[in-house]
Amino acid sequence: MHADIVGFGAVSDFTSAVFAGFEWKATDTLDINIGYKAMWVDYENSSTIFQSGYFKYDTVTKGPVLGASFKF
């Protein structure tokens, strides 16, 4: 399991992600990774909606993750 929290006004107001999964060693040179990841993003360009060019991006992205690692 892996989790992180970033942002706090540097790039976005708040960004966090959680990943849970496992790794299977298929061979000496191949690992298979299977898991599930969710990422939350809260982003604003200005503090009020009355400012020209205001942009707000609040979203949650989640879903399964499949990966492979090759060692040589």
PDB file of N, CA and C in Angstrom:
ATOM      1  N   MET A   1       0.852  -1.173   0.000  1.00  0.00           N
ATOM      2  CA  MET A   1       0.000   0.000   0.000  1.00  0.00           C
ATOM      3  C   MET A   1       0.894   1.231   0.000  1.00  0.00           C
ATOM      4  N   HIS A   2       0.463   2.242  -0.763  1.00  0.00           N
ATOM      5  CA  HIS A   2       1.210   3.484  -0.879  1.00  0.00           C
ATOM      6  C   HIS A   2       0.222   4.639  -0.832  1.00  0.00           C
ATOM      7  N   ALA A   3       0.548   5.702  -0.103  1.00  0.00           N
ATOM      8  CA  ALA A   3      -0.314   6.879  -0.039  1.00  0.00           C
ATOM      9  C   ALA A   3       0.550   8.126   0.002  1.00  0.00           C
ATOM     10  N   ASP A   4       0.033   9.225  -0.569  1.00  0.00           N
ATOM     11  CA  ASP A   4       0.747  10.497  -0.484  1.00  0.00           C
ATOM     12  C   ASP A   4      -0.249  11.648  -0.473  1.00  0.00           C
ATOM     13  N   ILE A   5       0.206  12.764   0.100  1.00  0.00           N
ATOM     14  CA  ILE A   5      -0.578  13.996   0.155  1.00  0.00           C
ATOM     15  C   ILE A   5       0.368  15.131  -0.216  1.00  0.00           C
ATOM     16  N   VAL A   6      -0.005  15.941  -1.198  1.00  0.00           N
ATOM     17  CA  VAL A   6       0.818  17.074  -1.631  1.00  0.00           C
ATOM     18  C   VAL A   6      -0.073  18.271  -1.918  1.00  0.00           C
ATOM     19  N   GLY A   7       0.544  19.378  -2.294  1.00  0.00           N
ATOM     20  CA  GLY A   7      -0.199  20.577  -2.654  1.00  0.00           C
ATOM     21  C   GLY A   7      -0.029  21.653  -1.624  1.00  0.00           C
ATOM     22  N   PHE A   8      -1.086  21.964  -0.904  1.00  0.00           N
ATOM     23  CA  PHE A   8      -1.100  22.998   0.118  1.00  0.00           C
ATOM     24  C   PHE A   8      -0.711  24.357  -0.446  1.00  0.00           C
ATOM     25  N   GLY A   9      -1.189  24.648  -1.688  1.00  0.00           N
ATOM     26  CA  GLY A   9      -0.969  25.946  -2.286  1.00  0.00           C
ATOM     27  C   GLY A   9       0.229  26.058  -3.200  1.00  0.00           C
ATOM     28  N   ALA A  10       1.119  25.083  -3.238  1.00  0.00           N
ATOM     29  CA  ALA A  10       2.307  25.164  -4.094  1.00  0.00           C
ATOM     30  C   ALA A  10       1.916  25.021  -5.564  1.00  0.00           C
ATOM     31  N   VAL A  11       1.304  23.924  -5.936  1.00  0.00           N
ATOM     32  CA  VAL A  11       0.848  23.705  -7.309  1.00  0.00           C
ATOM     33  C   VAL A  11      -0.666  23.628  -7.351  1.00  0.00           C
ATOM     34  N   SER A  12      -1.246  22.955  -6.392  1.00  0.00           N
ATOM     35  CA  SER A  12      -2.700  22.867  -6.278  1.00  0.00           C
ATOM     36  C   SER A  12      -3.049  23.032  -4.810  1.00  0.00           C
ATOM     37  N   ASP A  13      -4.323  23.219  -4.521  1.00  0.00           N
ATOM     38  CA  ASP A  13      -4.728  23.347  -3.126  1.00  0.00           C
ATOM     39  C   ASP A  13      -4.501  22.044  -2.369  1.00  0.00           C
ATOM     40  N   PHE A  14      -4.826  20.940  -3.029  1.00  0.00           N
ATOM     41  CA  PHE A  14      -4.699  19.649  -2.352  1.00  0.00           C
ATOM     42  C   PHE A  14      -4.703  18.530  -3.387  1.00  0.00           C
ATOM     43  N   THR A  15      -3.756  17.628  -3.289  1.00  0.00           N
ATOM     44  CA  THR A  15      -3.701  16.440  -4.132  1.00  0.00           C
ATOM     45  C   THR A  15      -3.285  15.266  -3.267  1.00  0.00           C
ATOM     46  N   SER A  16      -3.980  14.148  -3.420  1.00  0.00           N
ATOM     47  CA  SER A  16      -3.599  12.952  -2.675  1.00  0.00           C
ATOM     48  C   SER A  16      -3.890  11.717  -3.525  1.00  0.00           C
ATOM     49  N   ALA A  17      -3.191  10.649  -3.192  1.00  0.00           N
ATOM     50  CA  ALA A  17      -3.378   9.394  -3.921  1.00  0.00           C
ATOM     51  C   ALA A  17      -3.188   8.224  -2.971  1.00  0.00           C
ATOM     52  N   VAL A  18      -3.925   7.157  -3.235  1.00  0.00           N
ATOM     53  CA  VAL A  18      -3.810   5.911  -2.469  1.00  0.00           C
ATOM     54  C   VAL A  18      -3.712   4.768  -3.472  1.00  0.00           C
ATOM     55  N   PHE A  19      -2.753   3.884  -3.252  1.00  0.00           N
ATOM     56  CA  PHE A  19      -2.589   2.707  -4.099  1.00  0.00           C
ATOM     57  C   PHE A  19      -2.483   1.485  -3.206  1.00  0.00           C
ATOM     58  N   ALA A  20      -3.245   0.458  -3.538  1.00  0.00           N
ATOM     59  CA  ALA A  20      -3.171  -0.821  -2.838  1.00  0.00           C
ATOM     60  C   ALA A  20      -3.076  -1.924  -3.888  1.00  0.00           C
ATOM     61  N   GLY A  21      -2.160  -2.846  -3.700  1.00  0.00           N
ATOM     62  CA  GLY A  21      -1.998  -3.919  -4.667  1.00  0.00           C
ATOM     63  C   GLY A  21      -0.936  -4.901  -4.239  1.00  0.00           C
ATOM     64  N   PHE A  22      -0.548  -5.746  -5.168  1.00  0.00           N
ATOM     65  CA  PHE A  22       0.496  -6.718  -4.877  1.00  0.00           C
ATOM     66  C   PHE A  22       1.354  -6.952  -6.113  1.00  0.00           C
ATOM     67  N   GLU A  23       2.515  -7.511  -5.869  1.00  0.00           N
ATOM     68  CA  GLU A  23       3.461  -7.821  -6.939  1.00  0.00           C
ATOM     69  C   GLU A  23       3.712  -9.323  -6.954  1.00  0.00           C
ATOM     70  N   TRP A  24       3.658  -9.918  -8.127  1.00  0.00           N
ATOM     71  CA  TRP A  24       3.885 -11.354  -8.292  1.00  0.00           C
ATOM     72  C   TRP A  24       5.147 -11.549  -9.113  1.00  0.00           C
ATOM     73  N   LYS A  25       6.087 -12.307  -8.583  1.00  0.00           N
ATOM     74  CA  LYS A  25       7.325 -12.596  -9.287  1.00  0.00           C
ATOM     75  C   LYS A  25       7.073 -13.779 -10.214  1.00  0.00           C
ATOM     76  N   ALA A  26       6.801 -13.479 -11.493  1.00  0.00           N
ATOM     77  CA  ALA A  26       6.471 -14.518 -12.466  1.00  0.00           C
ATOM     78  C   ALA A  26       7.698 -15.330 -12.853  1.00  0.00           C
ATOM     79  N   THR A  27       8.814 -14.658 -13.109  1.00  0.00           N
ATOM     80  CA  THR A  27      10.079 -15.317 -13.434  1.00  0.00           C
ATOM     81  C   THR A  27      11.201 -14.536 -12.764  1.00  0.00           C
ATOM     82  N   ASP A  28      12.442 -14.946 -12.986  1.00  0.00           N
ATOM     83  CA  ASP A  28      13.579 -14.213 -12.424  1.00  0.00           C
ATOM     84  C   ASP A  28      13.709 -12.810 -13.010  1.00  0.00           C
ATOM     85  N   THR A  29      13.163 -12.595 -14.198  1.00  0.00           N
ATOM     86  CA  THR A  29      13.301 -11.299 -14.864  1.00  0.00           C
ATOM     87  C   THR A  29      11.988 -10.531 -15.019  1.00  0.00           C
ATOM     88  N   LEU A  30      10.857 -11.119 -14.621  1.00  0.00           N
ATOM     89  CA  LEU A  30       9.555 -10.475 -14.826  1.00  0.00           C
ATOM     90  C   LEU A  30       8.734 -10.466 -13.541  1.00  0.00           C
ATOM     91  N   ASP A  31       8.267  -9.267 -13.155  1.00  0.00           N
ATOM     92  CA  ASP A  31       7.332  -9.091 -12.048  1.00  0.00           C
ATOM     93  C   ASP A  31       6.039  -8.504 -12.598  1.00  0.00           C
ATOM     94  N   ILE A  32       4.901  -8.994 -12.122  1.00  0.00           N
ATOM     95  CA  ILE A  32       3.588  -8.489 -12.516  1.00  0.00           C
ATOM     96  C   ILE A  32       2.992  -7.743 -11.323  1.00  0.00           C
ATOM     97  N   ASN A  33       2.519  -6.515 -11.568  1.00  0.00           N
ATOM     98  CA  ASN A  33       1.922  -5.683 -10.521  1.00  0.00           C
ATOM     99  C   ASN A  33       0.436  -5.508 -10.805  1.00  0.00           C
ATOM    100  N   ILE A  34      -0.389  -5.770  -9.792  1.00  0.00           N
ATOM    101  CA  ILE A  34      -1.837  -5.616  -9.912  1.00  0.00           C
ATOM    102  C   ILE A  34      -2.322  -4.829  -8.697  1.00  0.00           C
ATOM    103  N   GLY A  35      -3.190  -3.835  -8.931  1.00  0.00           N
ATOM    104  CA  GLY A  35      -3.682  -3.053  -7.813  1.00  0.00           C
ATOM    105  C   GLY A  35      -4.833  -2.149  -8.191  1.00  0.00           C
ATOM    106  N   TYR A  36      -5.126  -1.233  -7.289  1.00  0.00           N
ATOM    107  CA  TYR A  36      -6.202  -0.268  -7.464  1.00  0.00           C
ATOM    108  C   TYR A  36      -5.697   1.076  -6.961  1.00  0.00           C
ATOM    109  N   LYS A  37      -5.918   2.150  -7.721  1.00  0.00           N
ATOM    110  CA  LYS A  37      -5.424   3.471  -7.341  1.00  0.00           C
ATOM    111  C   LYS A  37      -6.557   4.485  -7.392  1.00  0.00           C
ATOM    112  N   ALA A  38      -6.565   5.384  -6.415  1.00  0.00           N
ATOM    113  CA  ALA A  38      -7.499   6.508  -6.393  1.00  0.00           C
ATOM    114  C   ALA A  38      -6.691   7.784  -6.173  1.00  0.00           C
ATOM    115  N   MET A  39      -7.011   8.839  -6.943  1.00  0.00           N
ATOM    116  CA  MET A  39      -6.301  10.109  -6.829  1.00  0.00           C
ATOM    117  C   MET A  39      -7.310  11.248  -6.764  1.00  0.00           C
ATOM    118  N   TRP A  40      -7.143  12.136  -5.781  1.00  0.00           N
ATOM    119  CA  TRP A  40      -8.003  13.288  -5.586  1.00  0.00           C
ATOM    120  C   TRP A  40      -7.209  14.544  -5.914  1.00  0.00           C
ATOM    121  N   VAL A  41      -7.821  15.462  -6.688  1.00  0.00           N
ATOM    122  CA  VAL A  41      -7.175  16.722  -7.055  1.00  0.00           C
ATOM    123  C   VAL A  41      -8.143  17.868  -6.818  1.00  0.00           C
ATOM    124  N   ASP A  42      -7.690  18.892  -6.107  1.00  0.00           N
ATOM    125  CA  ASP A  42      -8.448  20.123  -5.883  1.00  0.00           C
ATOM    126  C   ASP A  42      -7.571  21.264  -6.383  1.00  0.00           C
ATOM    127  N   TYR A  43      -7.967  21.928  -7.453  1.00  0.00           N
ATOM    128  CA  TYR A  43      -7.135  22.944  -8.084  1.00  0.00           C
ATOM    129  C   TYR A  43      -7.939  24.209  -8.340  1.00  0.00           C
ATOM    130  N   GLU A  44      -7.359  25.368  -8.073  1.00  0.00           N
ATOM    131  CA  GLU A  44      -7.976  26.656  -8.369  1.00  0.00           C
ATOM    132  C   GLU A  44      -6.912  27.609  -8.880  1.00  0.00           C
ATOM    133  N   ASN A  45      -7.283  28.513  -9.785  1.00  0.00           N
ATOM    134  CA  ASN A  45      -6.359  29.543 -10.252  1.00  0.00           C
ATOM    135  C   ASN A  45      -6.505  30.844  -9.488  1.00  0.00           C
ATOM    136  N   SER A  46      -7.676  31.108  -8.925  1.00  0.00           N
ATOM    137  CA  SER A  46      -7.887  32.326  -8.155  1.00  0.00           C
ATOM    138  C   SER A  46      -8.806  32.016  -6.981  1.00  0.00           C
ATOM    139  N   SER A  47      -8.923  32.961  -6.061  1.00  0.00           N
ATOM    140  CA  SER A  47      -9.693  32.698  -4.849  1.00  0.00           C
ATOM    141  C   SER A  47     -11.181  33.004  -4.986  1.00  0.00           C
ATOM    142  N   THR A  48     -11.589  33.701  -6.050  1.00  0.00           N
ATOM    143  CA  THR A  48     -13.020  33.997  -6.240  1.00  0.00           C
ATOM    144  C   THR A  48     -13.446  33.671  -7.665  1.00  0.00           C
ATOM    145  N   ILE A  49     -14.704  33.369  -7.836  1.00  0.00           N
ATOM    146  CA  ILE A  49     -15.199  33.062  -9.180  1.00  0.00           C
ATOM    147  C   ILE A  49     -15.465  34.332  -9.984  1.00  0.00           C
ATOM    148  N   PHE A  50     -15.379  35.510  -9.372  1.00  0.00           N
ATOM    149  CA  PHE A  50     -15.639  36.770 -10.064  1.00  0.00           C
ATOM    150  C   PHE A  50     -14.410  37.293 -10.803  1.00  0.00           C
ATOM    151  N   GLN A  51     -13.273  36.668 -10.599  1.00  0.00           N
ATOM    152  CA  GLN A  51     -12.040  37.101 -11.262  1.00  0.00           C
ATOM    153  C   GLN A  51     -11.989  36.542 -12.686  1.00  0.00           C
ATOM    154  N   SER A  52     -11.502  37.339 -13.614  1.00  0.00           N
ATOM    155  CA  SER A  52     -11.393  36.921 -15.010  1.00  0.00           C
ATOM    156  C   SER A  52     -10.461  35.727 -15.145  1.00  0.00           C
ATOM    157  N   GLY A  53     -10.882  34.726 -15.905  1.00  0.00           N
ATOM    158  CA  GLY A  53     -10.052  33.546 -16.117  1.00  0.00           C
ATOM    159  C   GLY A  53     -10.112  32.543 -14.978  1.00  0.00           C
ATOM    160  N   TYR A  54     -11.103  32.639 -14.113  1.00  0.00           N
ATOM    161  CA  TYR A  54     -11.222  31.702 -12.986  1.00  0.00           C
ATOM    162  C   TYR A  54     -11.299  30.273 -13.493  1.00  0.00           C
ATOM    163  N   PHE A  55     -10.605  29.369 -12.828  1.00  0.00           N
ATOM    164  CA  PHE A  55     -10.591  27.958 -13.212  1.00  0.00           C
ATOM    165  C   PHE A  55     -10.609  27.121 -11.952  1.00  0.00           C
ATOM    166  N   LYS A  56     -11.481  26.137 -11.893  1.00  0.00           N
ATOM    167  CA  LYS A  56     -11.555  25.241 -10.734  1.00  0.00           C
ATOM    168  C   LYS A  56     -11.617  23.816 -11.239  1.00  0.00           C
ATOM    169  N   TYR A  57     -10.804  22.950 -10.692  1.00  0.00           N
ATOM    170  CA  TYR A  57     -10.725  21.563 -11.136  1.00  0.00           C
ATOM    171  C   TYR A  57     -10.723  20.671  -9.907  1.00  0.00           C
ATOM    172  N   ASP A  58     -11.856  20.131  -9.533  1.00  0.00           N
ATOM    173  CA  ASP A  58     -11.985  19.208  -8.400  1.00  0.00           C
ATOM    174  C   ASP A  58     -12.423  17.868  -8.960  1.00  0.00           C
ATOM    175  N   THR A  59     -11.599  16.855  -8.793  1.00  0.00           N
ATOM    176  CA  THR A  59     -11.919  15.568  -9.396  1.00  0.00           C
ATOM    177  C   THR A  59     -11.376  14.407  -8.580  1.00  0.00           C
ATOM    178  N   VAL A  60     -11.945  13.254  -8.805  1.00  0.00           N
ATOM    179  CA  VAL A  60     -11.458  11.990  -8.263  1.00  0.00           C
ATOM    180  C   VAL A  60     -11.300  11.032  -9.445  1.00  0.00           C
ATOM    181  N   THR A  61     -10.122  10.477  -9.578  1.00  0.00           N
ATOM    182  CA  THR A  61      -9.854   9.485 -10.616  1.00  0.00           C
ATOM    183  C   THR A  61      -9.500   8.185  -9.921  1.00  0.00           C
ATOM    184  N   LYS A  62     -10.144   7.095 -10.316  1.00  0.00           N
ATOM    185  CA  LYS A  62      -9.873   5.824  -9.653  1.00  0.00           C
ATOM    186  C   LYS A  62     -10.048   4.678 -10.629  1.00  0.00           C
ATOM    187  N   GLY A  63      -9.348   3.587 -10.341  1.00  0.00           N
ATOM    188  CA  GLY A  63      -9.493   2.426 -11.187  1.00  0.00           C
ATOM    189  C   GLY A  63      -8.376   1.418 -10.993  1.00  0.00           C
ATOM    190  N   PRO A  64      -8.481   0.310 -11.691  1.00  0.00           N
ATOM    191  CA  PRO A  64      -7.478  -0.756 -11.567  1.00  0.00           C
ATOM    192  C   PRO A  64      -6.170  -0.374 -12.256  1.00  0.00           C
ATOM    193  N   VAL A  65      -5.079  -0.952 -11.756  1.00  0.00           N
ATOM    194  CA  VAL A  65      -3.745  -0.714 -12.299  1.00  0.00           C
ATOM    195  C   VAL A  65      -3.107  -2.067 -12.587  1.00  0.00           C
ATOM    196  N   LEU A  66      -2.521  -2.207 -13.756  1.00  0.00           N
ATOM    197  CA  LEU A  66      -1.806  -3.423 -14.139  1.00  0.00           C
ATOM    198  C   LEU A  66      -0.460  -2.996 -14.702  1.00  0.00           C
ATOM    199  N   GLY A  67       0.600  -3.596 -14.212  1.00  0.00           N
ATOM    200  CA  GLY A  67       1.934  -3.241 -14.674  1.00  0.00           C
ATOM    201  C   GLY A  67       2.875  -4.419 -14.710  1.00  0.00           C
ATOM    202  N   ALA A  68       3.998  -4.223 -15.376  1.00  0.00           N
ATOM    203  CA  ALA A  68       5.026  -5.257 -15.477  1.00  0.00           C
ATOM    204  C   ALA A  68       6.389  -4.613 -15.273  1.00  0.00           C
ATOM    205  N   SER A  69       7.282  -5.311 -14.593  1.00  0.00           N
ATOM    206  CA  SER A  69       8.652  -4.863 -14.382  1.00  0.00           C
ATOM    207  C   SER A  69       9.585  -5.914 -14.949  1.00  0.00           C
ATOM    208  N   PHE A  70      10.514  -5.460 -15.787  1.00  0.00           N
ATOM    209  CA  PHE A  70      11.503  -6.362 -16.384  1.00  0.00           C
ATOM    210  C   PHE A  70      12.871  -6.064 -15.786  1.00  0.00           C
ATOM    211  N   LYS A  71      13.568  -7.086 -15.380  1.00  0.00           N
ATOM    212  CA  LYS A  71      14.909  -6.944 -14.811  1.00  0.00           C
ATOM    213  C   LYS A  71      15.910  -7.605 -15.747  1.00  0.00           C
ATOM    214  N   PHE A  72      16.982  -6.883 -16.033  1.00  0.00           N
ATOM    215  CA  PHE A  72      18.003  -7.463 -16.911  1.00  0.00           C
ATOM    216  C   PHE A  72      19.372  -7.019 -16.446  1.00  0.00           C
TER     217      PHE A  72
END
